[in-house]
Amino acid sequence: MSAPSDPLVQGSARTVLELHGITKTFGAVAALTDISLEVHAGEVVAVVGDNGAGKSTLVKVLSGVHPPDAGSIRFEGKEVTVPTPAAAHALGIATVFQDLALCENLNVIDNLYLGRELRPFRLNEVEMETRSWELLQQLSAKIPTIRVPVASLSGGQRQTVAIARSLLGDPKVIILDEPTAALGVAQTAEVLNLIERLRERGLGVIMISHNMADVTAVADRVAVLRLGRNNGDFSVKDVSTEEIIAAITGATDNVVTRRSAARSQHETHVGVGGSTPR
């Protein structure tokens, strides 16, 4: 009799997170306007956009830092609110911010369990070390020892520690804010492999990124934000890098393209109705 399959993998087609009409303003500035987004289990969704497109605000709305002014959030089919980071964590949404928020003077184990130490009466260091190794091995992490300060690790290894820490709460969705920023080629490859491991575990992954090579290498879908609004949702296998960049920059919607479209419509109308009177 075969072992039952992982329930996370079984449900890989289900929608875990849905956003509908999310709007957030700061005074007179509309950071997000009517944003919609879907994330499925076992899927990597890249959220891309120029500076000021609303990516950081969207991350903070999902992680409970900023409550939305309008719109709804559905998690595993139920409408929810995310008023605080603790609420997001309890719900099953984990966020790894760009600065990683690691304590560089502490070792890997201490960083993984910081604030959630195993202790009925005193620290259970043996159990924490065992679980740390198990978690890092599941992610195929390339960390030779977990007893050294995080300050001595490479950028890719630090990113691995931050992602591993987010998995301790057994989340369903992980948000990665610029996970490969300022990393070298080898370290970037290490992090991208790690993102693929998260997808294989059946997690929904939202990756904020400026790097189109990383996006096309690991993402299943690309959601483009422009000036705080949705400006395209593409399947990576069906879209080119040029089309994504055009959606980011608005190259497909500017004065020149609108003038060209209007001229084409005019010429078509003239061709159907005959020549225009002089």
C-alpha atoms as a PDB file:
ATOM      1  CA  MET A   1       0.000   0.000   0.000  1.00  0.00           C
ATOM      2  CA  SER A   2       1.504   3.283  -1.097  1.00  0.00           C
ATOM      3  CA  ALA A   3       1.922   6.145   1.354  1.00  0.00           C
ATOM      4  CA  PRO A   4      -0.614   8.961   1.096  1.00  0.00           C
ATOM      5  CA  SER A   5       0.583  11.918  -0.915  1.00  0.00           C
ATOM      6  CA  ASP A   6       1.357  15.252   0.696  1.00  0.00           C
ATOM      7  CA  PRO A   7      -1.931  17.149   1.135  1.00  0.00           C
ATOM      8  CA  LEU A   8      -0.180  20.362   0.104  1.00  0.00           C
ATOM      9  CA  VAL A   9       0.829  18.798  -3.210  1.00  0.00           C
ATOM     10  CA  GLN A  10      -2.637  17.292  -3.671  1.00  0.00           C
ATOM     11  CA  GLY A  11      -4.158  20.751  -3.409  1.00  0.00           C
ATOM     12  CA  SER A  12      -1.646  22.385  -5.743  1.00  0.00           C
ATOM     13  CA  ALA A  13      -4.382  23.692  -8.057  1.00  0.00           C
ATOM     14  CA  ARG A  14      -6.400  25.431  -5.369  1.00  0.00           C
ATOM     15  CA  THR A  15      -6.435  29.172  -4.853  1.00  0.00           C
ATOM     16  CA  VAL A  16      -4.830  30.055  -1.532  1.00  0.00           C
ATOM     17  CA  LEU A  17      -4.888  33.851  -1.612  1.00  0.00           C
ATOM     18  CA  GLU A  18      -7.208  36.246  -3.457  1.00  0.00           C
ATOM     19  CA  LEU A  19      -7.196  40.042  -3.483  1.00  0.00           C
ATOM     20  CA  HIS A  20     -10.115  41.990  -4.918  1.00  0.00           C
ATOM     21  CA  GLY A  21     -10.290  45.784  -5.243  1.00  0.00           C
ATOM     22  CA  ILE A  22      -7.496  46.495  -2.762  1.00  0.00           C
ATOM     23  CA  THR A  23      -7.040  50.252  -2.382  1.00  0.00           C
ATOM     24  CA  LYS A  24      -4.636  52.115  -0.106  1.00  0.00           C
ATOM     25  CA  THR A  25      -4.075  55.856   0.088  1.00  0.00           C
ATOM     26  CA  PHE A  26      -1.706  57.992   2.149  1.00  0.00           C
ATOM     27  CA  GLY A  27      -3.279  61.422   2.279  1.00  0.00           C
ATOM     28  CA  ALA A  28      -3.618  62.608  -1.307  1.00  0.00           C
ATOM     29  CA  VAL A  29      -1.342  59.845  -2.644  1.00  0.00           C
ATOM     30  CA  ALA A  30      -3.064  56.736  -4.011  1.00  0.00           C
ATOM     31  CA  ALA A  31      -0.482  53.981  -3.468  1.00  0.00           C
ATOM     32  CA  LEU A  32      -2.819  51.169  -4.573  1.00  0.00           C
ATOM     33  CA  THR A  33      -6.011  51.445  -6.587  1.00  0.00           C
ATOM     34  CA  ASP A  34      -8.379  48.515  -7.175  1.00  0.00           C
ATOM     35  CA  ILE A  35      -5.671  45.834  -7.074  1.00  0.00           C
ATOM     36  CA  SER A  36      -6.604  42.213  -7.784  1.00  0.00           C
ATOM     37  CA  LEU A  37      -4.284  39.219  -7.416  1.00  0.00           C
ATOM     38  CA  GLU A  38      -4.586  35.442  -7.104  1.00  0.00           C
ATOM     39  CA  VAL A  39      -2.006  33.006  -5.761  1.00  0.00           C
ATOM     40  CA  HIS A  40      -2.384  29.233  -6.026  1.00  0.00           C
ATOM     41  CA  ALA A  41      -0.731  26.556  -3.958  1.00  0.00           C
ATOM     42  CA  GLY A  42       2.465  25.293  -5.548  1.00  0.00           C
ATOM     43  CA  GLU A  43       2.817  28.433  -7.679  1.00  0.00           C
ATOM     44  CA  VAL A  44       5.374  31.250  -7.842  1.00  0.00           C
ATOM     45  CA  VAL A  45       3.840  34.611  -8.728  1.00  0.00           C
ATOM     46  CA  ALA A  46       6.277  37.415  -9.496  1.00  0.00           C
ATOM     47  CA  VAL A  47       5.008  40.921  -8.767  1.00  0.00           C
ATOM     48  CA  VAL A  48       6.957  43.436 -10.831  1.00  0.00           C
ATOM     49  CA  GLY A  49       6.801  47.151 -11.456  1.00  0.00           C
ATOM     50  CA  ASP A  50       8.858  50.317 -11.553  1.00  0.00           C
ATOM     51  CA  ASN A  51       9.741  52.315  -8.440  1.00  0.00           C
ATOM     52  CA  GLY A  52       6.541  53.782  -7.031  1.00  0.00           C
ATOM     53  CA  ALA A  53       4.351  51.140  -8.654  1.00  0.00           C
ATOM     54  CA  GLY A  54       2.960  50.021  -5.282  1.00  0.00           C
ATOM     55  CA  LYS A  55       4.881  46.783  -4.731  1.00  0.00           C
ATOM     56  CA  SER A  56       6.107  47.633  -1.230  1.00  0.00           C
ATOM     57  CA  THR A  57       2.680  48.868  -0.172  1.00  0.00           C
ATOM     58  CA  LEU A  58       1.106  45.644  -1.425  1.00  0.00           C
ATOM     59  CA  VAL A  59       3.597  43.606   0.609  1.00  0.00           C
ATOM     60  CA  LYS A  60       2.816  45.644   3.724  1.00  0.00           C
ATOM     61  CA  VAL A  61      -0.945  45.209   3.215  1.00  0.00           C
ATOM     62  CA  LEU A  62      -0.536  41.423   2.968  1.00  0.00           C
ATOM     63  CA  SER A  63       1.860  41.261   5.926  1.00  0.00           C
ATOM     64  CA  GLY A  64      -0.436  43.272   8.208  1.00  0.00           C
ATOM     65  CA  VAL A  65       1.633  46.456   8.388  1.00  0.00           C
ATOM     66  CA  HIS A  66      -0.930  48.639   6.567  1.00  0.00           C
ATOM     67  CA  PRO A  67      -4.663  47.835   6.556  1.00  0.00           C
ATOM     68  CA  PRO A  68      -6.297  48.438   3.148  1.00  0.00           C
ATOM     69  CA  ASP A  69      -8.781  51.302   2.803  1.00  0.00           C
ATOM     70  CA  ALA A  70     -11.044  49.261   0.529  1.00  0.00           C
ATOM     71  CA  GLY A  71     -11.279  45.824  -1.040  1.00  0.00           C
ATOM     72  CA  SER A  72     -11.310  42.271   0.267  1.00  0.00           C
ATOM     73  CA  ILE A  73      -8.768  39.552   1.043  1.00  0.00           C
ATOM     74  CA  ARG A  74      -9.739  35.883   0.834  1.00  0.00           C
ATOM     75  CA  PHE A  75      -7.501  33.192   2.289  1.00  0.00           C
ATOM     76  CA  GLU A  76      -8.266  29.563   1.473  1.00  0.00           C
ATOM     77  CA  GLY A  77     -11.750  30.574   0.343  1.00  0.00           C
ATOM     78  CA  LYS A  78     -12.670  32.644   3.405  1.00  0.00           C
ATOM     79  CA  GLU A  79     -12.757  36.428   3.608  1.00  0.00           C
ATOM     80  CA  VAL A  80     -10.255  37.602   6.210  1.00  0.00           C
ATOM     81  CA  THR A  81      -8.711  40.754   7.624  1.00  0.00           C
ATOM     82  CA  VAL A  82      -4.993  41.198   8.290  1.00  0.00           C
ATOM     83  CA  PRO A  83      -4.812  43.998  10.887  1.00  0.00           C
ATOM     84  CA  THR A  84      -1.356  43.165  12.293  1.00  0.00           C
ATOM     85  CA  PRO A  85       1.782  41.190  11.367  1.00  0.00           C
ATOM     86  CA  ALA A  86       0.888  38.702  14.097  1.00  0.00           C
ATOM     87  CA  ALA A  87      -2.503  38.168  12.451  1.00  0.00           C
ATOM     88  CA  ALA A  88      -0.812  37.539   9.093  1.00  0.00           C
ATOM     89  CA  HIS A  89       1.528  35.018  10.692  1.00  0.00           C
ATOM     90  CA  ALA A  90      -1.321  33.236  12.479  1.00  0.00           C
ATOM     91  CA  LEU A  91      -3.295  33.128   9.234  1.00  0.00           C
ATOM     92  CA  GLY A  92      -0.463  31.474   7.321  1.00  0.00           C
ATOM     93  CA  ILE A  93       1.180  34.390   5.492  1.00  0.00           C
ATOM     94  CA  ALA A  94       4.928  34.733   6.069  1.00  0.00           C
ATOM     95  CA  THR A  95       7.000  37.637   4.762  1.00  0.00           C
ATOM     96  CA  VAL A  96      10.751  37.821   4.228  1.00  0.00           C
ATOM     97  CA  PHE A  97      11.615  41.493   3.820  1.00  0.00           C
ATOM     98  CA  GLN A  98      14.555  42.718   1.786  1.00  0.00           C
ATOM     99  CA  ASP A  99      16.643  43.583   4.874  1.00  0.00           C
ATOM    100  CA  LEU A 100      16.058  39.994   6.188  1.00  0.00           C
ATOM    101  CA  ALA A 101      15.881  41.216   9.835  1.00  0.00           C
ATOM    102  CA  LEU A 102      18.560  38.823  11.060  1.00  0.00           C
ATOM    103  CA  CYS A 103      20.700  39.296  14.166  1.00  0.00           C
ATOM    104  CA  GLU A 104      24.209  39.008  12.757  1.00  0.00           C
ATOM    105  CA  ASN A 105      25.869  38.349  16.117  1.00  0.00           C
ATOM    106  CA  LEU A 106      23.696  35.270  16.720  1.00  0.00           C
ATOM    107  CA  ASN A 107      24.162  31.877  15.094  1.00  0.00           C
ATOM    108  CA  VAL A 108      21.742  30.184  12.678  1.00  0.00           C
ATOM    109  CA  ILE A 109      19.824  28.293  15.369  1.00  0.00           C
ATOM    110  CA  ASP A 110      19.326  31.397  17.505  1.00  0.00           C
ATOM    111  CA  ASN A 111      18.068  33.339  14.492  1.00  0.00           C
ATOM    112  CA  LEU A 112      15.646  30.603  13.453  1.00  0.00           C
ATOM    113  CA  TYR A 113      14.097  30.370  16.925  1.00  0.00           C
ATOM    114  CA  LEU A 114      14.423  33.984  18.030  1.00  0.00           C
ATOM    115  CA  GLY A 115      11.214  34.799  19.919  1.00  0.00           C
ATOM    116  CA  ARG A 116       9.867  31.249  19.606  1.00  0.00           C
ATOM    117  CA  GLU A 117      12.403  29.242  21.582  1.00  0.00           C
ATOM    118  CA  LEU A 118      11.565  25.693  22.659  1.00  0.00           C
ATOM    119  CA  ARG A 119      11.450  25.726  26.423  1.00  0.00           C
ATOM    120  CA  PRO A 120       9.031  24.253  28.892  1.00  0.00           C
ATOM    121  CA  PHE A 121      11.331  25.393  31.711  1.00  0.00           C
ATOM    122  CA  ARG A 122      14.697  26.021  30.070  1.00  0.00           C
ATOM    123  CA  LEU A 123      15.986  26.208  26.484  1.00  0.00           C
ATOM    124  CA  ASN A 124      15.842  22.865  24.674  1.00  0.00           C
ATOM    125  CA  GLU A 125      18.966  23.512  22.603  1.00  0.00           C
ATOM    126  CA  VAL A 126      19.306  19.923  21.374  1.00  0.00           C
ATOM    127  CA  GLU A 127      15.781  19.858  19.930  1.00  0.00           C
ATOM    128  CA  MET A 128      16.197  23.272  18.322  1.00  0.00           C
ATOM    129  CA  GLU A 129      19.465  22.223  16.683  1.00  0.00           C
ATOM    130  CA  THR A 130      17.939  18.974  15.411  1.00  0.00           C
ATOM    131  CA  ARG A 131      14.908  20.731  13.936  1.00  0.00           C
ATOM    132  CA  SER A 132      17.096  23.423  12.401  1.00  0.00           C
ATOM    133  CA  TRP A 133      19.163  20.847  10.548  1.00  0.00           C
ATOM    134  CA  GLU A 134      16.054  18.989   9.390  1.00  0.00           C
ATOM    135  CA  LEU A 135      14.473  22.165   8.021  1.00  0.00           C
ATOM    136  CA  LEU A 136      17.625  23.305   6.230  1.00  0.00           C
ATOM    137  CA  GLN A 137      18.106  19.834   4.732  1.00  0.00           C
ATOM    138  CA  GLN A 138      14.534  19.875   3.408  1.00  0.00           C
ATOM    139  CA  LEU A 139      15.392  23.101   1.608  1.00  0.00           C
ATOM    140  CA  SER A 140      18.689  21.659   0.311  1.00  0.00           C
ATOM    141  CA  ALA A 141      20.430  24.574   2.009  1.00  0.00           C
ATOM    142  CA  LYS A 142      24.163  24.970   1.465  1.00  0.00           C
ATOM    143  CA  ILE A 143      25.134  25.936   5.007  1.00  0.00           C
ATOM    144  CA  PRO A 144      28.126  23.967   6.370  1.00  0.00           C
ATOM    145  CA  THR A 145      27.447  24.668  10.050  1.00  0.00           C
ATOM    146  CA  ILE A 146      24.658  26.277  12.034  1.00  0.00           C
ATOM    147  CA  ARG A 147      26.790  27.188  15.039  1.00  0.00           C
ATOM    148  CA  VAL A 148      28.540  30.159  13.402  1.00  0.00           C
ATOM    149  CA  PRO A 149      27.310  33.782  13.598  1.00  0.00           C
ATOM    150  CA  VAL A 150      25.120  34.828  10.678  1.00  0.00           C
ATOM    151  CA  ALA A 151      27.611  37.631  10.000  1.00  0.00           C
ATOM    152  CA  SER A 152      30.036  35.023   8.626  1.00  0.00           C
ATOM    153  CA  LEU A 153      27.536  33.666   6.065  1.00  0.00           C
ATOM    154  CA  SER A 154      27.222  34.701   2.430  1.00  0.00           C
ATOM    155  CA  GLY A 155      24.266  36.706   1.139  1.00  0.00           C
ATOM    156  CA  GLY A 156      22.611  33.617  -0.310  1.00  0.00           C
ATOM    157  CA  GLN A 157      23.058  31.698   2.937  1.00  0.00           C
ATOM    158  CA  ARG A 158      21.545  34.567   4.930  1.00  0.00           C
ATOM    159  CA  GLN A 159      18.547  34.605   2.595  1.00  0.00           C
ATOM    160  CA  THR A 160      18.199  30.859   3.203  1.00  0.00           C
ATOM    161  CA  VAL A 161      18.189  31.375   6.972  1.00  0.00           C
ATOM    162  CA  ALA A 162      15.520  34.091   6.686  1.00  0.00           C
ATOM    163  CA  ILE A 163      13.296  31.892   4.509  1.00  0.00           C
ATOM    164  CA  ALA A 164      13.803  28.872   6.764  1.00  0.00           C
ATOM    165  CA  ARG A 165      12.782  30.975   9.776  1.00  0.00           C
ATOM    166  CA  SER A 166       9.537  31.936   8.015  1.00  0.00           C
ATOM    167  CA  LEU A 167       8.702  28.240   7.489  1.00  0.00           C
ATOM    168  CA  LEU A 168       8.669  27.455  11.221  1.00  0.00           C
ATOM    169  CA  GLY A 169       5.114  28.769  11.459  1.00  0.00           C
ATOM    170  CA  ASP A 170       3.931  26.338   8.739  1.00  0.00           C
ATOM    171  CA  PRO A 171       2.698  29.084   6.361  1.00  0.00           C
ATOM    172  CA  LYS A 172       0.652  28.551   3.202  1.00  0.00           C
ATOM    173  CA  VAL A 173       1.947  31.678   1.432  1.00  0.00           C
ATOM    174  CA  ILE A 174       5.441  33.168   1.558  1.00  0.00           C
ATOM    175  CA  ILE A 175       6.187  36.690   0.330  1.00  0.00           C
ATOM    176  CA  LEU A 176       9.790  37.327  -0.723  1.00  0.00           C
ATOM    177  CA  ASP A 177      10.726  40.992  -1.108  1.00  0.00           C
ATOM    178  CA  GLU A 178      13.620  41.323  -3.599  1.00  0.00           C
ATOM    179  CA  PRO A 179      15.182  37.975  -2.558  1.00  0.00           C
ATOM    180  CA  THR A 180      18.109  38.213  -5.002  1.00  0.00           C
ATOM    181  CA  ALA A 181      18.939  41.913  -4.632  1.00  0.00           C
ATOM    182  CA  ALA A 182      22.690  42.591  -4.338  1.00  0.00           C
ATOM    183  CA  LEU A 183      23.595  38.900  -4.697  1.00  0.00           C
ATOM    184  CA  GLY A 184      26.237  37.444  -6.999  1.00  0.00           C
ATOM    185  CA  VAL A 185      25.506  34.928  -9.746  1.00  0.00           C
ATOM    186  CA  ALA A 186      26.173  31.825  -7.640  1.00  0.00           C
ATOM    187  CA  GLN A 187      24.234  33.157  -4.638  1.00  0.00           C
ATOM    188  CA  THR A 188      21.308  34.146  -6.872  1.00  0.00           C
ATOM    189  CA  ALA A 189      21.177  30.617  -8.295  1.00  0.00           C
ATOM    190  CA  GLU A 190      21.159  29.257  -4.745  1.00  0.00           C
ATOM    191  CA  VAL A 191      18.172  31.428  -3.796  1.00  0.00           C
ATOM    192  CA  LEU A 192      16.269  30.563  -6.994  1.00  0.00           C
ATOM    193  CA  ASN A 193      16.771  26.872  -6.244  1.00  0.00           C
ATOM    194  CA  LEU A 194      15.388  27.538  -2.783  1.00  0.00           C
ATOM    195  CA  ILE A 195      12.279  29.176  -4.272  1.00  0.00           C
ATOM    196  CA  GLU A 196      11.743  26.086  -6.401  1.00  0.00           C
ATOM    197  CA  ARG A 197      11.945  23.960  -3.245  1.00  0.00           C
ATOM    198  CA  LEU A 198       9.177  26.093  -1.715  1.00  0.00           C
ATOM    199  CA  ARG A 199       7.003  25.507  -4.770  1.00  0.00           C
ATOM    200  CA  GLU A 200       7.651  21.760  -4.560  1.00  0.00           C
ATOM    201  CA  ARG A 201       6.471  21.855  -0.945  1.00  0.00           C
ATOM    202  CA  GLY A 202       3.123  23.155  -2.237  1.00  0.00           C
ATOM    203  CA  LEU A 203       3.454  26.699  -0.942  1.00  0.00           C
ATOM    204  CA  GLY A 204       2.181  29.771  -2.735  1.00  0.00           C
ATOM    205  CA  VAL A 205       5.101  32.142  -3.305  1.00  0.00           C
ATOM    206  CA  ILE A 206       4.876  35.858  -4.087  1.00  0.00           C
ATOM    207  CA  MET A 207       8.223  37.156  -5.318  1.00  0.00           C
ATOM    208  CA  ILE A 208       8.794  40.905  -5.597  1.00  0.00           C
ATOM    209  CA  SER A 209      11.607  41.497  -8.062  1.00  0.00           C
ATOM    210  CA  HIS A 210      13.200  43.941 -10.508  1.00  0.00           C
ATOM    211  CA  ASN A 211      15.313  41.254 -12.179  1.00  0.00           C
ATOM    212  CA  MET A 212      13.580  39.931 -15.306  1.00  0.00           C
ATOM    213  CA  ALA A 213      16.065  37.069 -15.659  1.00  0.00           C
ATOM    214  CA  ASP A 214      15.184  35.813 -12.171  1.00  0.00           C
ATOM    215  CA  VAL A 215      11.474  36.266 -12.845  1.00  0.00           C
ATOM    216  CA  THR A 216      11.458  34.266 -16.071  1.00  0.00           C
ATOM    217  CA  ALA A 217      13.721  31.617 -14.530  1.00  0.00           C
ATOM    218  CA  VAL A 218      11.541  30.689 -11.567  1.00  0.00           C
ATOM    219  CA  ALA A 219       8.060  32.286 -11.745  1.00  0.00           C
ATOM    220  CA  ASP A 220       4.915  30.666 -13.145  1.00  0.00           C
ATOM    221  CA  ARG A 221       3.008  33.939 -13.537  1.00  0.00           C
ATOM    222  CA  VAL A 222       3.918  37.621 -13.603  1.00  0.00           C
ATOM    223  CA  ALA A 223       1.616  40.313 -12.190  1.00  0.00           C
ATOM    224  CA  VAL A 224       2.572  43.814 -13.315  1.00  0.00           C
ATOM    225  CA  LEU A 225       1.815  46.912 -11.243  1.00  0.00           C
ATOM    226  CA  ARG A 226       2.018  50.384 -12.775  1.00  0.00           C
ATOM    227  CA  LEU A 227       1.285  53.568 -10.834  1.00  0.00           C
ATOM    228  CA  GLY A 228      -0.558  51.584  -8.166  1.00  0.00           C
ATOM    229  CA  ARG A 229      -2.817  49.698 -10.589  1.00  0.00           C
ATOM    230  CA  ASN A 230      -2.876  46.298 -12.265  1.00  0.00           C
ATOM    231  CA  ASN A 231      -1.283  46.509 -15.698  1.00  0.00           C
ATOM    232  CA  GLY A 232      -1.153  42.894 -16.781  1.00  0.00           C
ATOM    233  CA  ASP A 233      -1.139  39.294 -15.574  1.00  0.00           C
ATOM    234  CA  PHE A 234       0.950  36.970 -17.734  1.00  0.00           C
ATOM    235  CA  SER A 235       1.878  33.311 -17.863  1.00  0.00           C
ATOM    236  CA  VAL A 236       5.674  33.175 -18.067  1.00  0.00           C
ATOM    237  CA  LYS A 237       5.623  30.491 -20.750  1.00  0.00           C
ATOM    238  CA  ASP A 238       3.428  32.664 -22.991  1.00  0.00           C
ATOM    239  CA  VAL A 239       5.079  36.078 -22.645  1.00  0.00           C
ATOM    240  CA  SER A 240       8.399  37.612 -23.620  1.00  0.00           C
ATOM    241  CA  THR A 241      10.629  39.749 -21.434  1.00  0.00           C
ATOM    242  CA  GLU A 242      10.003  42.668 -23.800  1.00  0.00           C
ATOM    243  CA  GLU A 243       6.237  42.420 -23.267  1.00  0.00           C
ATOM    244  CA  ILE A 244       6.679  42.417 -19.481  1.00  0.00           C
ATOM    245  CA  ILE A 245       8.959  45.450 -19.635  1.00  0.00           C
ATOM    246  CA  ALA A 246       6.478  47.222 -21.923  1.00  0.00           C
ATOM    247  CA  ALA A 247       3.733  46.670 -19.333  1.00  0.00           C
ATOM    248  CA  ILE A 248       6.020  47.912 -16.542  1.00  0.00           C
ATOM    249  CA  THR A 249       7.037  51.086 -18.335  1.00  0.00           C
ATOM    250  CA  GLY A 250       3.707  51.780 -19.994  1.00  0.00           C
ATOM    251  CA  ALA A 251       5.273  51.507 -23.445  1.00  0.00           C
ATOM    252  CA  THR A 252       2.074  49.890 -24.712  1.00  0.00           C
ATOM    253  CA  ASP A 253      -0.041  52.819 -23.509  1.00  0.00           C
ATOM    254  CA  ASN A 254       1.425  56.206 -24.350  1.00  0.00           C
ATOM    255  CA  VAL A 255       0.739  59.198 -26.558  1.00  0.00           C
ATOM    256  CA  VAL A 256       2.413  57.656 -29.588  1.00  0.00           C
ATOM    257  CA  THR A 257       0.621  54.308 -29.428  1.00  0.00           C
ATOM    258  CA  ARG A 258      -2.756  55.945 -28.764  1.00  0.00           C
ATOM    259  CA  ARG A 259      -2.248  58.309 -31.732  1.00  0.00           C
ATOM    260  CA  SER A 260      -1.290  55.368 -33.945  1.00  0.00           C
ATOM    261  CA  ALA A 261      -4.364  53.394 -32.856  1.00  0.00           C
ATOM    262  CA  ALA A 262      -6.652  56.369 -33.468  1.00  0.00           C
ATOM    263  CA  ARG A 263      -5.155  56.845 -36.951  1.00  0.00           C
ATOM    264  CA  SER A 264      -5.651  53.171 -37.798  1.00  0.00           C
ATOM    265  CA  GLN A 265      -9.294  53.343 -36.686  1.00  0.00           C
ATOM    266  CA  HIS A 266      -9.814  56.463 -38.820  1.00  0.00           C
ATOM    267  CA  GLU A 267      -8.273  54.849 -41.895  1.00  0.00           C
ATOM    268  CA  THR A 268     -10.411  51.744 -41.387  1.00  0.00           C
ATOM    269  CA  HIS A 269     -13.527  53.879 -41.106  1.00  0.00           C
ATOM    270  CA  VAL A 270     -12.619  55.785 -44.301  1.00  0.00           C
ATOM    271  CA  GLY A 271     -11.934  52.550 -46.123  1.00  0.00           C
ATOM    272  CA  VAL A 272     -15.382  51.171 -45.228  1.00  0.00           C
ATOM    273  CA  GLY A 273     -17.424  54.305 -45.854  1.00  0.00           C
ATOM    274  CA  GLY A 274     -15.565  55.605 -48.881  1.00  0.00           C
ATOM    275  CA  SER A 275     -13.469  58.728 -49.193  1.00  0.00           C
ATOM    276  CA  THR A 276     -14.100  61.601 -46.878  1.00  0.00           C
ATOM    277  CA  PRO A 277     -15.793  64.673 -48.414  1.00  0.00           C
ATOM    278  CA  ARG A 278     -13.503  67.607 -49.268  1.00  0.00           C
END
